[in-house]
Amino acid sequence: MKYRRFGKTNWQLSEVGYGMWGMAGWTGSDLEEVHRALRRSVELGCNFFDTAWGYGAGKSEAILGELVRDYPDRKLYTATKIPPKNWKWPSRREFSLDDCFPPEHLEEYVTASLKNAGLPSFDLMQFHTWEDHWLQDDRWYHKLSDLKSQGLFSAIGISQNRWEPWNGIEAVKSGLIDAVQVIYNIFDQNPEDELFPACLKHDIGVIARVPFDEGTLTGTLTKSSTWPKEDWRSTYFVPENLHASVERAEALRPVVPPGMTMAEMALRFTLSEPTVGTVIPGMRSLRNVEANMGCSDAGPLSAELRQQLTHHRWVRQPTTWSQ
């Protein structure tokens, strides 16, 4: 495992971190296997774990707290997210700070997340949705600064809305945050245009999420793939999205080098971007952990392959099902 400096926090994070959403919003999770996978990731050098109150109403946070206690002699960096008060994902332009993150709500959920995890503090506390115009109402910053001064977390971050990497650039420039979490993968290359240069200039840590495009870039989905009603993917992969995504993935197959899977190519694409501090694939099995952690040692893709993949960029706009 290789490590990268995470912006002005100066943390040394594993290139491949661990996204913990799949333990709550996706079906097919075996908790015994999840615990084995988490522990295997630590053994392989993973030291960054990203969760949220919204992942099972604290269930995922509790799993993370247990993992941290199991490794008292290792520094495991913990990140969670405060849910919006109106429970709307993604945010919309008309939402105000009072709709989503009034000061009393911030304090309530910072406290709740710490209780769920059974931890005295988190390393990174993030907004689970974001609007740049909230910068005009600095009550959020004063409240989080107060909670930070109490030692409840060490850094402040934002999780950017799907397919809106522009909506967060002003937050980066403000100097009020330490990190951004953004979708970045072979299809979603848009952060390279403006967000990544801004993060580099202002020394903001970047967490890349959804490296497999919610599963499309593993190459395992088909146009007939289905999920149980309670699984989040059943509402995301509506026919309009599923069919287009599968077609895009199929167009990638001729580009995948011999001896490499599409999933490995996808993850190494994300790691090939030096602005990324860590990438957080969701992993629920030992097999996936070992394959994904190995991508760090394998290194970045060749410049020639990266150039080929620029032609697979897919510019998408948020819609009712994109969440």
Protein backbone atom coordinates (compact mmCIF):
# COMPACT_ATOMS: atom_id res chain seq x y z
CA MET A 1 0.00 0.00 0.00
CA LYS A 2 1.22 3.47 -0.89
CA TYR A 3 0.29 6.58 1.08
CA ARG A 4 -0.42 10.16 0.05
CA ARG A 5 -0.42 13.47 1.88
CA PHE A 6 -4.01 14.63 2.39
CA GLY A 7 -3.93 18.36 1.78
CA LYS A 8 -3.30 20.78 4.62
CA THR A 9 -4.24 18.17 7.22
CA ASN A 10 -0.84 16.58 6.48
CA TRP A 11 -2.36 13.15 7.15
CA GLN A 12 -0.71 10.28 5.31
CA LEU A 13 -3.65 8.31 3.95
CA SER A 14 -3.65 4.97 2.21
CA GLU A 15 -4.24 5.47 -1.51
CA VAL A 16 -7.10 3.01 -1.30
CA GLY A 17 -9.48 3.76 1.53
CA TYR A 18 -12.73 2.04 2.46
CA GLY A 19 -16.20 3.30 1.57
CA MET A 20 -18.74 1.93 4.03
CA TRP A 21 -22.06 2.75 2.36
CA GLY A 22 -22.57 -0.75 1.03
CA MET A 23 -22.97 -2.08 4.56
CA ALA A 24 -26.27 -0.28 4.96
CA GLY A 25 -27.96 0.80 1.72
CA TRP A 26 -27.25 -2.27 -0.40
CA THR A 27 -28.63 -5.78 -0.08
CA GLY A 28 -26.43 -8.85 -0.03
CA SER A 29 -24.27 -7.78 2.91
CA ASP A 30 -23.10 -10.58 5.18
CA LEU A 31 -21.98 -8.93 8.41
CA GLU A 32 -19.52 -11.70 9.23
CA GLU A 33 -17.92 -11.28 5.82
CA VAL A 34 -17.98 -7.49 6.20
CA HIS A 35 -16.06 -7.69 9.47
CA ARG A 36 -13.50 -10.04 7.90
CA ALA A 37 -13.15 -7.72 4.92
CA LEU A 38 -12.60 -4.67 7.11
CA ARG A 39 -9.94 -6.39 9.15
CA ARG A 40 -8.22 -7.70 6.04
CA SER A 41 -8.09 -4.17 4.66
CA VAL A 42 -6.27 -2.98 7.78
CA GLU A 43 -3.81 -5.86 7.50
CA LEU A 44 -3.12 -4.79 3.91
CA GLY A 45 -2.39 -1.21 4.94
CA CYS A 46 -5.73 0.59 4.58
CA ASN A 47 -6.00 3.39 7.14
CA PHE A 48 -8.91 5.56 5.93
CA PHE A 49 -12.56 4.65 6.48
CA ASP A 50 -15.49 6.75 5.30
CA THR A 51 -19.00 6.35 6.69
CA ALA A 52 -22.08 8.48 7.43
CA TRP A 53 -24.97 8.69 9.83
CA GLY A 54 -27.20 8.07 6.83
CA TYR A 55 -25.71 4.63 6.21
CA GLY A 56 -28.23 2.64 8.18
CA ALA A 57 -29.03 5.41 10.71
CA GLY A 58 -25.66 4.94 12.38
CA LYS A 59 -25.24 1.21 11.77
CA SER A 60 -22.17 1.72 9.60
CA GLU A 61 -20.69 4.17 12.13
CA ALA A 62 -21.03 1.52 14.85
CA ILE A 63 -19.14 -0.98 12.68
CA LEU A 64 -16.36 1.56 12.16
CA GLY A 65 -16.09 2.27 15.89
CA GLU A 66 -15.72 -1.42 16.59
CA LEU A 67 -12.96 -1.68 14.00
CA VAL A 68 -11.02 1.21 15.53
CA ARG A 69 -11.22 -0.38 18.98
CA ASP A 70 -9.92 -3.65 17.57
CA TYR A 71 -6.71 -1.91 16.45
CA PRO A 72 -5.68 0.34 19.35
CA ASP A 73 -2.05 0.40 18.21
CA ARG A 74 -2.80 1.58 14.65
CA LYS A 75 -3.87 5.00 13.48
CA LEU A 76 -7.07 4.50 11.49
CA TYR A 77 -8.48 7.73 10.09
CA THR A 78 -12.24 8.02 10.51
CA ALA A 79 -14.63 10.14 8.46
CA THR A 80 -18.38 10.49 8.72
CA LYS A 81 -21.11 12.76 7.34
CA ILE A 82 -23.92 14.79 8.83
CA PRO A 83 -27.27 14.13 7.09
CA PRO A 84 -29.30 17.09 5.83
CA LYS A 85 -32.17 18.04 8.10
CA ASN A 86 -34.69 17.77 5.26
CA TRP A 87 -33.44 14.27 4.33
CA LYS A 88 -33.14 15.23 0.67
CA TRP A 89 -30.37 13.84 -1.52
CA PRO A 90 -29.07 15.50 -3.63
CA SER A 91 -29.41 19.07 -2.50
CA ARG A 92 -31.12 21.59 -4.74
CA ARG A 93 -30.32 25.24 -5.39
CA GLU A 94 -33.37 26.48 -3.50
CA PHE A 95 -32.44 24.71 -0.26
CA SER A 96 -31.25 27.07 2.46
CA LEU A 97 -28.85 26.37 5.29
CA ASP A 98 -31.85 26.21 7.63
CA ASP A 99 -33.42 23.57 5.40
CA CYS A 100 -30.38 21.33 5.59
CA PHE A 101 -27.77 22.24 8.20
CA PRO A 102 -28.91 24.75 10.84
CA PRO A 103 -26.42 25.01 13.73
CA GLU A 104 -28.49 23.00 16.23
CA HIS A 105 -28.84 20.18 13.69
CA LEU A 106 -25.07 20.08 13.16
CA GLU A 107 -24.45 19.70 16.87
CA GLU A 108 -27.17 17.08 17.26
CA TYR A 109 -25.74 14.81 14.59
CA VAL A 110 -22.08 15.26 15.46
CA THR A 111 -23.06 14.09 18.93
CA ALA A 112 -25.20 11.26 17.55
CA SER A 113 -22.46 9.99 15.25
CA LEU A 114 -19.92 9.92 18.05
CA LYS A 115 -22.38 7.99 20.19
CA ASN A 116 -23.07 5.51 17.38
CA ALA A 117 -19.39 4.85 16.86
CA GLY A 118 -18.49 4.92 20.54
CA LEU A 119 -15.53 7.15 19.72
CA PRO A 120 -14.33 10.32 21.47
CA SER A 121 -13.74 12.02 18.12
CA PHE A 122 -13.66 11.63 14.35
CA ASP A 123 -10.86 12.78 12.12
CA LEU A 124 -13.09 14.24 9.41
CA MET A 125 -16.63 15.59 9.75
CA GLN A 126 -18.39 16.19 6.42
CA PHE A 127 -21.61 17.73 5.14
CA HIS A 128 -23.47 14.95 3.32
CA THR A 129 -24.86 17.46 0.80
CA TRP A 130 -23.57 20.86 -0.17
CA GLU A 131 -24.52 24.15 -1.80
CA ASP A 132 -21.87 26.80 -2.34
CA HIS A 133 -24.31 29.60 -1.55
CA TRP A 134 -24.34 28.40 2.07
CA LEU A 135 -21.00 30.18 2.36
CA GLN A 136 -23.03 33.38 2.65
CA ASP A 137 -24.44 32.18 5.97
CA ASP A 138 -21.45 31.54 8.23
CA ARG A 139 -23.43 30.08 11.14
CA TRP A 140 -22.42 26.58 9.95
CA TYR A 141 -18.75 27.48 10.17
CA HIS A 142 -18.99 29.05 13.62
CA LYS A 143 -20.85 26.01 14.96
CA LEU A 144 -18.42 23.48 13.47
CA SER A 145 -15.44 25.55 14.63
CA ASP A 146 -16.84 25.46 18.15
CA LEU A 147 -17.38 21.69 18.02
CA LYS A 148 -13.92 21.22 16.52
CA SER A 149 -12.38 23.26 19.35
CA GLN A 150 -13.98 20.81 21.77
CA GLY A 151 -11.96 18.02 20.17
CA LEU A 152 -14.96 16.27 18.59
CA PHE A 153 -13.28 16.14 15.16
CA SER A 154 -10.10 17.40 13.54
CA ALA A 155 -11.08 18.58 10.05
CA ILE A 156 -14.12 19.78 8.08
CA GLY A 157 -15.16 18.50 4.66
CA ILE A 158 -17.97 18.54 2.13
CA SER A 159 -19.40 15.68 0.10
CA GLN A 160 -20.33 17.09 -3.28
CA ASN A 161 -23.57 16.32 -5.03
CA ARG A 162 -23.54 13.74 -7.81
CA TRP A 163 -22.30 15.13 -11.14
CA GLU A 164 -21.85 18.67 -9.76
CA PRO A 165 -18.10 19.09 -9.19
CA TRP A 166 -18.48 22.83 -9.78
CA ASN A 167 -20.71 23.12 -6.69
CA GLY A 168 -17.99 23.24 -4.06
CA ILE A 169 -15.26 25.21 -5.78
CA GLU A 170 -16.16 28.34 -3.82
CA ALA A 171 -15.97 26.35 -0.60
CA VAL A 172 -12.48 25.21 -1.62
CA LYS A 173 -11.44 28.81 -2.29
CA SER A 174 -12.93 30.05 1.00
CA GLY A 175 -10.28 28.39 3.14
CA LEU A 176 -13.00 27.22 5.55
CA ILE A 177 -12.81 23.51 4.70
CA ASP A 178 -10.08 20.90 4.64
CA ALA A 179 -11.44 18.26 2.28
CA VAL A 180 -13.84 17.53 -0.55
CA GLN A 181 -15.39 14.21 -1.50
CA VAL A 182 -16.37 13.93 -5.15
CA ILE A 183 -17.36 11.31 -7.72
CA TYR A 184 -14.39 10.68 -9.99
CA ASN A 185 -14.04 7.74 -12.36
CA ILE A 186 -13.52 6.86 -16.03
CA PHE A 187 -16.96 8.20 -16.91
CA ASP A 188 -16.99 11.15 -14.50
CA GLN A 189 -13.79 13.00 -15.38
CA ASN A 190 -15.27 16.48 -14.92
CA PRO A 191 -13.48 17.23 -11.60
CA GLU A 192 -10.25 17.48 -13.60
CA ASP A 193 -11.46 20.71 -15.23
CA GLU A 194 -11.85 23.13 -12.32
CA LEU A 195 -12.22 21.34 -9.00
CA PHE A 196 -8.89 19.52 -8.90
CA PRO A 197 -6.85 22.60 -9.88
CA ALA A 198 -8.61 24.59 -7.14
CA CYS A 199 -7.93 21.85 -4.58
CA LEU A 200 -4.28 21.75 -5.60
CA LYS A 201 -3.95 25.53 -5.32
CA HIS A 202 -5.60 25.72 -1.90
CA ASP A 203 -4.12 22.47 -0.53
CA ILE A 204 -7.48 20.75 -0.02
CA GLY A 205 -7.58 16.98 0.46
CA VAL A 206 -9.54 15.06 -2.19
CA ILE A 207 -11.52 11.89 -1.53
CA ALA A 208 -12.59 10.20 -4.76
CA ARG A 209 -15.76 8.16 -4.44
CA VAL A 210 -17.70 5.84 -6.77
CA PRO A 211 -14.64 4.64 -8.73
CA PHE A 212 -16.76 1.81 -10.20
CA ASP A 213 -19.74 4.03 -11.12
CA GLU A 214 -21.97 2.19 -8.59
CA GLY A 215 -20.92 -1.12 -10.15
CA THR A 216 -21.06 -0.35 -13.87
CA LEU A 217 -17.29 -0.15 -14.19
CA THR A 218 -16.78 -3.61 -12.74
CA GLY A 219 -18.13 -4.92 -16.04
CA THR A 220 -20.51 -7.29 -14.27
CA LEU A 221 -23.86 -5.53 -14.84
CA THR A 222 -26.19 -6.34 -17.71
CA LYS A 223 -29.30 -4.67 -19.06
CA SER A 224 -31.35 -7.30 -17.22
CA SER A 225 -29.69 -6.77 -13.80
CA THR A 226 -32.21 -6.30 -10.99
CA TRP A 227 -32.10 -5.60 -7.25
CA PRO A 228 -34.57 -6.03 -4.39
CA LYS A 229 -36.91 -3.10 -3.83
CA GLU A 230 -35.19 -2.16 -0.57
CA ASP A 231 -31.80 -1.94 -2.28
CA TRP A 232 -30.80 1.62 -3.22
CA ARG A 233 -29.62 0.44 -6.63
CA SER A 234 -33.17 -0.51 -7.60
CA THR A 235 -34.08 3.19 -7.70
CA TYR A 236 -30.79 4.37 -9.20
CA PHE A 237 -30.48 1.88 -12.03
CA VAL A 238 -33.77 2.69 -13.70
CA PRO A 239 -33.85 1.44 -17.32
CA GLU A 240 -32.79 4.83 -18.66
CA ASN A 241 -29.64 4.72 -16.55
CA LEU A 242 -28.94 0.98 -16.53
CA HIS A 243 -29.07 0.51 -20.28
CA ALA A 244 -26.93 3.56 -21.03
CA SER A 245 -24.41 2.61 -18.34
CA VAL A 246 -24.07 -0.98 -19.53
CA GLU A 247 -23.60 0.18 -23.12
CA ARG A 248 -20.83 2.55 -22.00
CA ALA A 249 -19.15 -0.22 -20.03
CA GLU A 250 -19.33 -2.59 -22.99
CA ALA A 251 -17.62 0.04 -25.14
CA LEU A 252 -14.71 -0.07 -22.67
CA ARG A 253 -14.03 -3.78 -23.01
CA PRO A 254 -11.71 -3.49 -26.03
CA VAL A 255 -9.57 -1.01 -24.08
CA VAL A 256 -8.98 -3.25 -21.04
CA PRO A 257 -5.37 -4.53 -21.24
CA PRO A 258 -4.71 -8.29 -21.26
CA GLY A 259 -4.44 -9.69 -17.75
CA MET A 260 -6.33 -6.76 -16.22
CA THR A 261 -9.99 -6.66 -15.20
CA MET A 262 -12.22 -3.70 -15.96
CA ALA A 263 -12.52 -3.08 -12.21
CA GLU A 264 -8.75 -2.90 -11.82
CA MET A 265 -8.49 -0.52 -14.75
CA ALA A 266 -11.22 1.67 -13.25
CA LEU A 267 -9.61 1.87 -9.83
CA ARG A 268 -6.14 2.48 -11.20
CA PHE A 269 -7.55 5.22 -13.43
CA THR A 270 -8.71 7.08 -10.32
CA LEU A 271 -5.37 6.48 -8.60
CA SER A 272 -3.56 7.83 -11.64
CA GLU A 273 -4.77 11.34 -10.76
CA PRO A 274 -2.18 12.83 -8.35
CA THR A 275 -4.66 15.33 -6.85
CA VAL A 276 -6.64 12.43 -5.36
CA GLY A 277 -5.60 11.80 -1.76
CA THR A 278 -7.51 8.55 -1.37
CA VAL A 279 -10.17 6.61 -3.26
CA ILE A 280 -12.94 4.84 -1.34
CA PRO A 281 -14.43 1.85 -3.17
CA GLY A 282 -17.20 0.01 -1.39
CA MET A 283 -16.06 -3.46 -0.36
CA ARG A 284 -18.05 -6.21 1.32
CA SER A 285 -15.92 -9.31 0.65
CA LEU A 286 -12.37 -10.48 1.22
CA ARG A 287 -12.00 -11.03 -2.51
CA ASN A 288 -12.85 -7.42 -3.32
CA VAL A 289 -10.63 -6.05 -0.56
CA GLU A 290 -7.61 -7.98 -1.75
CA ALA A 291 -8.16 -7.04 -5.40
CA ASN A 292 -8.73 -3.36 -4.66
CA MET A 293 -5.89 -2.95 -2.17
CA GLY A 294 -3.54 -4.52 -4.71
CA CYS A 295 -4.26 -1.69 -7.15
CA SER A 296 -2.10 0.65 -5.07
CA ASP A 297 0.96 -1.56 -5.49
CA ALA A 298 0.19 -2.00 -9.21
CA GLY A 299 0.56 1.74 -9.68
CA PRO A 300 -1.00 4.21 -12.13
CA LEU A 301 -2.10 3.34 -15.63
CA SER A 302 0.21 4.09 -18.53
CA ALA A 303 -0.06 7.52 -20.10
CA GLU A 304 -1.18 5.88 -23.34
CA LEU A 305 -4.07 4.05 -21.68
CA ARG A 306 -5.12 7.13 -19.75
CA GLN A 307 -5.25 9.05 -23.00
CA GLN A 308 -7.48 6.38 -24.51
CA LEU A 309 -9.82 6.59 -21.54
CA THR A 310 -10.35 10.32 -21.97
CA HIS A 311 -12.56 9.41 -24.91
CA HIS A 312 -14.93 7.56 -22.57
CA ARG A 313 -15.73 10.67 -20.54
CA TRP A 314 -19.49 10.93 -19.98
CA VAL A 315 -20.94 14.31 -19.03
CA ARG A 316 -24.15 13.76 -17.06
CA GLN A 317 -26.62 16.08 -15.37
CA PRO A 318 -28.44 15.32 -12.08
CA THR A 319 -31.95 14.01 -12.54
CA THR A 320 -34.77 12.59 -10.41
CA TRP A 321 -33.15 9.16 -10.12
CA SER A 322 -29.52 10.24 -9.73
CA GLN A 323 -29.83 10.93 -5.98
